[in-house]
Amino acid sequence: MPATIPLGPLTPHLYAPSKERPVRAKVHRLRTDQRVVPHDHPWAQVAVSATGVVRLTVQHGTYIAPPSRAVWIPAGVQHAVSVVEDADLRTLYLYQPAGRCGPDVARSDENAWRQCRVLEVSDLLRALVLEMDTTPDDGPQPAQGIDLVRERHLSALVLDELRRAKPVRLGVALPADKRLRTLCEAVLDDPVRHATLDDWARNAGASPRTVARLFRQELGTTFVQWRHQVLLAKALAMAARKLPMGTIAAELGYASPSAFTAMVRRSVGAPPSEFFQ
């Protein structure tokens, strides 16, 4: 079982964003198999992994965050963090005026920011995140004077990059039904343990017909399509470790790299070389 980090040491209240300091940054250095217990914040946040890979799970889905991606979590959404690979996790907390949902986005874009989403991380955004001050409010020298002015300039650029960041079709929906949730979490833990719905259903003590019906009712998709999203998330984490495409395909149970490439193209409309870039 993963180790559990109690919520206390996370001290999010010491990084509260405000109109004067609209973007606050915190760094977490987490070890593989550690887990941050479910919690939420009164402000939106962006999780960016400078190194390593983390998985953020909310009520209705789970999201992988390697260095090339960021996960947007709206205010008030409870989430847990699991560490797939030792990670230097940078968390940005965003101040939002009353009634706003995104990083000062246009009103027409508000609805898109009401849900968790995976975003591309540009080289500039990554550099900006690493430059942000991570000193807590009770630190020895809170930002002031010229340092505070610099932080505001960096914050403005961070928000602009977030507005420009392209959403990525990567995220694994999770059901509310307890029976299906248990099966889905087993697939997330080891997606190649079984290859067919019949085997997964048998392992869960349910009939394949029942499981197939629950996938349609709860998630609006088939088991095969849903499992492909799980495999993509796992492949993304492996690609972040610079593993060759042939190795990734083999470890995910594909007979050849070309078969894996075909799955990626069908799922995201791009070849692995582009998707994992």
Protein backbone atom coordinates (compact mmCIF):
# COMPACT_ATOMS: atom_id res chain seq x y z
CA MET A 1 0.00 0.00 0.00
CA PRO A 2 1.25 3.54 -0.73
CA ALA A 3 2.49 5.59 2.17
CA THR A 4 0.06 8.30 3.21
CA ILE A 5 1.13 11.87 3.83
CA PRO A 6 -1.16 13.52 6.39
CA LEU A 7 -2.77 16.73 5.21
CA GLY A 8 -1.15 18.90 7.90
CA PRO A 9 2.36 19.23 6.38
CA LEU A 10 0.90 20.45 3.09
CA THR A 11 0.08 23.83 4.72
CA PRO A 12 -1.83 25.26 1.72
CA HIS A 13 -3.05 28.12 3.92
CA LEU A 14 0.51 29.47 3.96
CA TYR A 15 0.37 30.01 0.19
CA ALA A 16 -3.03 31.68 -0.12
CA PRO A 17 -3.27 33.71 -3.36
CA SER A 18 -4.66 37.24 -3.21
CA LYS A 19 -5.26 40.22 -5.46
CA GLU A 20 -1.80 41.50 -4.49
CA ARG A 21 -0.18 38.08 -5.04
CA PRO A 22 -2.43 36.38 -7.66
CA VAL A 23 -0.27 33.30 -8.21
CA ARG A 24 1.41 31.48 -5.35
CA ALA A 25 3.79 28.56 -5.84
CA LYS A 26 4.55 25.62 -3.57
CA VAL A 27 7.02 22.80 -4.06
CA HIS A 28 6.47 19.20 -2.93
CA ARG A 29 9.27 16.66 -3.19
CA LEU A 30 7.51 13.32 -3.17
CA ARG A 31 8.76 9.74 -3.29
CA THR A 32 7.34 6.94 -5.39
CA ASP A 33 4.28 5.29 -3.83
CA GLN A 34 3.59 8.21 -1.50
CA ARG A 35 0.03 9.47 -1.50
CA VAL A 36 -1.42 12.81 -0.47
CA VAL A 37 -4.80 12.27 1.15
CA PRO A 38 -7.94 13.72 -0.48
CA HIS A 39 -8.33 17.45 0.18
CA ASP A 40 -9.54 20.62 -1.50
CA HIS A 41 -8.77 24.34 -1.60
CA PRO A 42 -10.93 27.46 -1.85
CA TRP A 43 -8.87 28.49 -4.90
CA ALA A 44 -8.03 26.87 -8.22
CA GLN A 45 -4.69 25.17 -8.66
CA VAL A 46 -2.38 23.90 -11.37
CA ALA A 47 -0.17 20.89 -10.71
CA VAL A 48 3.08 20.85 -12.69
CA SER A 49 5.69 18.12 -12.27
CA ALA A 50 9.17 19.57 -12.79
CA THR A 51 10.56 16.04 -12.64
CA GLY A 52 8.88 12.69 -12.15
CA VAL A 53 5.25 11.69 -12.64
CA VAL A 54 2.22 12.10 -10.39
CA ARG A 55 -1.41 11.03 -10.69
CA LEU A 56 -4.22 13.26 -9.45
CA THR A 57 -7.56 11.63 -8.74
CA VAL A 58 -10.90 13.39 -8.29
CA GLN A 59 -14.38 11.98 -7.82
CA HIS A 60 -15.04 11.47 -11.51
CA GLY A 61 -11.62 10.85 -13.00
CA THR A 62 -7.88 10.51 -12.72
CA TYR A 63 -5.15 12.47 -14.51
CA ILE A 64 -1.45 11.84 -15.15
CA ALA A 65 1.00 14.74 -14.83
CA PRO A 66 4.47 14.16 -16.32
CA PRO A 67 6.77 17.16 -16.95
CA SER A 68 5.16 17.84 -20.35
CA ARG A 69 1.65 18.25 -18.94
CA ALA A 70 -0.16 20.14 -16.19
CA VAL A 71 -3.44 19.36 -14.44
CA TRP A 72 -5.97 22.11 -13.79
CA ILE A 73 -8.14 21.62 -10.69
CA PRO A 74 -10.98 24.11 -10.10
CA ALA A 75 -11.61 25.60 -6.67
CA GLY A 76 -13.37 23.34 -4.21
CA VAL A 77 -12.72 20.08 -6.07
CA GLN A 78 -11.48 17.35 -3.73
CA HIS A 79 -8.43 15.55 -5.07
CA ALA A 80 -5.78 13.06 -4.02
CA VAL A 81 -2.22 12.75 -5.32
CA SER A 82 -0.35 9.49 -5.98
CA VAL A 83 3.31 9.45 -6.98
CA VAL A 84 4.09 7.24 -9.97
CA GLU A 85 7.76 8.22 -10.08
CA ASP A 86 9.80 10.35 -7.64
CA ALA A 87 8.54 13.86 -8.33
CA ASP A 88 9.40 17.49 -7.82
CA LEU A 89 5.81 18.72 -7.89
CA ARG A 90 5.13 22.43 -8.25
CA THR A 91 1.64 23.58 -7.30
CA LEU A 92 0.32 26.95 -8.38
CA TYR A 93 -2.56 28.44 -6.40
CA LEU A 94 -4.55 31.05 -8.36
CA TYR A 95 -6.50 34.03 -7.09
CA GLN A 96 -9.83 34.37 -8.87
CA PRO A 97 -12.28 37.25 -8.53
CA ALA A 98 -15.77 36.26 -7.41
CA GLY A 99 -17.63 34.42 -10.14
CA ARG A 100 -14.58 33.61 -12.27
CA CYS A 101 -13.49 30.04 -12.96
CA GLY A 102 -10.34 30.19 -15.08
CA PRO A 103 -7.07 32.15 -15.15
CA ASP A 104 -8.83 35.41 -16.07
CA VAL A 105 -10.14 33.85 -19.27
CA ALA A 106 -12.81 35.28 -21.52
CA ARG A 107 -16.37 34.64 -20.35
CA SER A 108 -16.99 32.39 -23.36
CA ASP A 109 -14.32 30.02 -22.05
CA GLU A 110 -15.59 29.85 -18.47
CA ASN A 111 -17.33 26.48 -18.76
CA ALA A 112 -14.18 24.72 -19.95
CA TRP A 113 -12.40 25.77 -16.75
CA ARG A 114 -15.14 24.46 -14.45
CA GLN A 115 -13.83 20.91 -14.90
CA CYS A 116 -10.46 19.29 -14.32
CA ARG A 117 -8.41 19.25 -17.50
CA VAL A 118 -4.94 18.32 -18.71
CA LEU A 119 -2.93 21.10 -20.36
CA GLU A 120 0.25 21.19 -22.41
CA VAL A 121 3.20 22.82 -20.63
CA SER A 122 5.24 25.11 -22.87
CA ASP A 123 8.94 25.62 -22.30
CA LEU A 124 8.16 29.16 -21.16
CA LEU A 125 5.50 28.04 -18.66
CA ARG A 126 7.84 25.43 -17.21
CA ALA A 127 10.61 28.03 -16.81
CA LEU A 128 8.21 30.50 -15.19
CA VAL A 129 6.96 27.93 -12.71
CA LEU A 130 10.51 27.11 -11.66
CA GLU A 131 11.24 30.83 -11.14
CA MET A 132 8.25 31.46 -8.87
CA ASP A 133 9.00 32.14 -5.21
CA THR A 134 8.01 29.14 -3.03
CA THR A 135 8.51 30.84 0.35
CA PRO A 136 5.45 30.40 2.63
CA ASP A 137 3.71 33.32 4.29
CA ASP A 138 5.35 32.46 7.62
CA GLY A 139 8.81 32.24 6.03
CA PRO A 140 11.74 34.34 7.23
CA GLN A 141 11.51 36.82 4.34
CA PRO A 142 8.14 37.02 2.59
CA ALA A 143 8.20 38.66 -0.84
CA GLN A 144 8.30 42.45 -0.69
CA GLY A 145 9.65 45.44 -2.58
CA ILE A 146 11.39 44.61 -5.84
CA ASP A 147 10.92 40.85 -5.26
CA LEU A 148 7.16 41.34 -5.03
CA VAL A 149 7.18 43.38 -8.25
CA ARG A 150 9.10 40.59 -10.00
CA GLU A 151 6.65 37.99 -8.69
CA ARG A 152 3.75 39.98 -10.14
CA HIS A 153 5.44 40.11 -13.55
CA LEU A 154 6.05 36.36 -13.45
CA SER A 155 2.45 35.77 -12.35
CA ALA A 156 1.10 37.76 -15.29
CA LEU A 157 3.16 35.67 -17.69
CA VAL A 158 2.08 32.42 -15.97
CA LEU A 159 -1.59 33.36 -16.36
CA ASP A 160 -1.06 34.29 -20.01
CA GLU A 161 0.63 30.95 -20.72
CA LEU A 162 -2.21 29.11 -19.00
CA ARG A 163 -4.72 30.94 -21.18
CA ARG A 164 -2.76 29.83 -24.25
CA ALA A 165 -2.13 26.25 -23.09
CA LYS A 166 -3.76 23.64 -25.30
CA PRO A 167 -5.98 21.09 -23.56
CA VAL A 168 -4.94 17.48 -24.03
CA ARG A 169 -7.43 14.66 -24.48
CA LEU A 170 -5.98 12.71 -21.64
CA GLY A 171 -7.82 11.78 -18.50
CA VAL A 172 -9.52 8.63 -17.27
CA ALA A 173 -13.15 8.92 -16.20
CA LEU A 174 -14.17 7.07 -13.03
CA PRO A 175 -17.68 5.80 -12.20
CA ALA A 176 -19.83 6.31 -9.12
CA ASP A 177 -21.06 2.69 -9.05
CA LYS A 178 -19.01 0.88 -6.41
CA ARG A 179 -18.79 -2.39 -8.34
CA LEU A 180 -17.50 -0.71 -11.48
CA ARG A 181 -15.27 1.65 -9.50
CA THR A 182 -13.48 -1.32 -7.91
CA LEU A 183 -12.89 -2.89 -11.33
CA CYS A 184 -11.69 0.41 -12.80
CA GLU A 185 -9.23 1.00 -9.97
CA ALA A 186 -7.85 -2.52 -10.48
CA VAL A 187 -7.28 -1.72 -14.17
CA LEU A 188 -5.56 1.55 -13.22
CA ASP A 189 -3.22 -0.31 -10.87
CA ASP A 190 -2.27 -2.96 -13.46
CA PRO A 191 -3.89 -2.43 -16.88
CA VAL A 192 -2.15 -5.40 -18.53
CA ARG A 193 -3.14 -8.03 -15.95
CA HIS A 194 -5.99 -9.05 -18.26
CA ALA A 195 -6.58 -8.24 -21.90
CA THR A 196 -10.33 -8.83 -22.28
CA LEU A 197 -13.49 -7.65 -20.59
CA ASP A 198 -14.45 -11.27 -19.87
CA ASP A 199 -11.29 -11.78 -17.80
CA TRP A 200 -11.66 -8.49 -15.91
CA ALA A 201 -15.33 -9.19 -15.20
CA ARG A 202 -14.54 -12.69 -13.97
CA ASN A 203 -11.86 -11.28 -11.70
CA ALA A 204 -14.42 -8.82 -10.29
CA GLY A 205 -17.06 -11.50 -9.81
CA ALA A 206 -19.49 -9.98 -12.32
CA SER A 207 -20.81 -11.00 -15.71
CA PRO A 208 -19.27 -9.38 -18.80
CA ARG A 209 -22.75 -8.24 -19.87
CA THR A 210 -23.29 -6.45 -16.55
CA VAL A 211 -19.89 -4.75 -16.69
CA ALA A 212 -20.41 -3.67 -20.31
CA ARG A 213 -23.82 -2.21 -19.40
CA LEU A 214 -22.35 -0.31 -16.43
CA PHE A 215 -19.61 1.19 -18.63
CA ARG A 216 -22.23 2.49 -21.04
CA GLN A 217 -24.50 3.80 -18.28
CA GLU A 218 -21.85 5.26 -15.96
CA LEU A 219 -19.16 6.45 -18.36
CA GLY A 220 -20.84 6.59 -21.76
CA THR A 221 -18.15 4.47 -23.38
CA THR A 222 -17.07 0.89 -23.93
CA PHE A 223 -14.58 -0.98 -21.79
CA VAL A 224 -12.09 -1.13 -24.68
CA GLN A 225 -12.22 2.63 -25.27
CA TRP A 226 -11.91 3.34 -21.55
CA ARG A 227 -8.95 0.96 -21.16
CA HIS A 228 -7.21 2.66 -24.09
CA GLN A 229 -7.27 5.90 -22.06
CA VAL A 230 -5.67 4.05 -19.15
CA LEU A 231 -2.98 2.66 -21.43
CA LEU A 232 -2.33 6.14 -22.88
CA ALA A 233 -1.87 7.57 -19.39
CA LYS A 234 0.53 4.77 -18.47
CA ALA A 235 2.41 5.20 -21.77
CA LEU A 236 2.74 8.91 -21.11
CA ALA A 237 4.32 8.22 -17.73
CA MET A 238 6.72 5.73 -19.33
CA ALA A 239 7.59 8.15 -22.13
CA ALA A 240 8.52 10.73 -19.50
CA ARG A 241 11.27 8.29 -18.42
CA LYS A 242 12.61 8.31 -22.01
CA LEU A 243 11.81 4.65 -22.60
CA PRO A 244 11.94 3.55 -26.27
CA MET A 245 8.61 3.25 -28.04
CA GLY A 246 9.19 -0.46 -28.62
CA THR A 247 9.66 -1.01 -24.89
CA ILE A 248 6.51 0.95 -24.07
CA ALA A 249 4.47 -1.04 -26.61
CA ALA A 250 5.75 -4.37 -25.29
CA GLU A 251 5.13 -3.50 -21.63
CA LEU A 252 1.58 -2.48 -22.48
CA GLY A 253 0.90 -5.83 -24.12
CA TYR A 254 1.10 -4.87 -27.80
CA ALA A 255 2.60 -7.39 -30.20
CA SER A 256 4.41 -4.67 -32.15
CA PRO A 257 5.13 -0.92 -32.03
CA SER A 258 2.91 -0.48 -35.11
CA ALA A 259 -0.09 -1.94 -33.27
CA PHE A 260 0.51 0.45 -30.37
CA THR A 261 0.92 3.38 -32.79
CA ALA A 262 -2.43 2.52 -34.40
CA MET A 263 -4.15 2.62 -30.99
CA VAL A 264 -2.63 6.01 -30.17
CA ARG A 265 -3.70 7.44 -33.54
CA ARG A 266 -7.27 6.20 -33.08
CA SER A 267 -7.47 7.57 -29.54
CA VAL A 268 -5.88 11.02 -29.86
CA GLY A 269 -5.60 11.62 -33.60
CA ALA A 270 -1.80 11.86 -33.54
CA PRO A 271 1.15 9.45 -33.67
CA PRO A 272 3.06 8.63 -30.46
CA SER A 273 6.04 10.73 -31.58
CA GLU A 274 3.83 13.82 -31.56
CA PHE A 275 1.61 12.97 -28.60
CA PHE A 276 4.51 12.13 -26.27
CA GLN A 277 6.73 15.00 -27.40
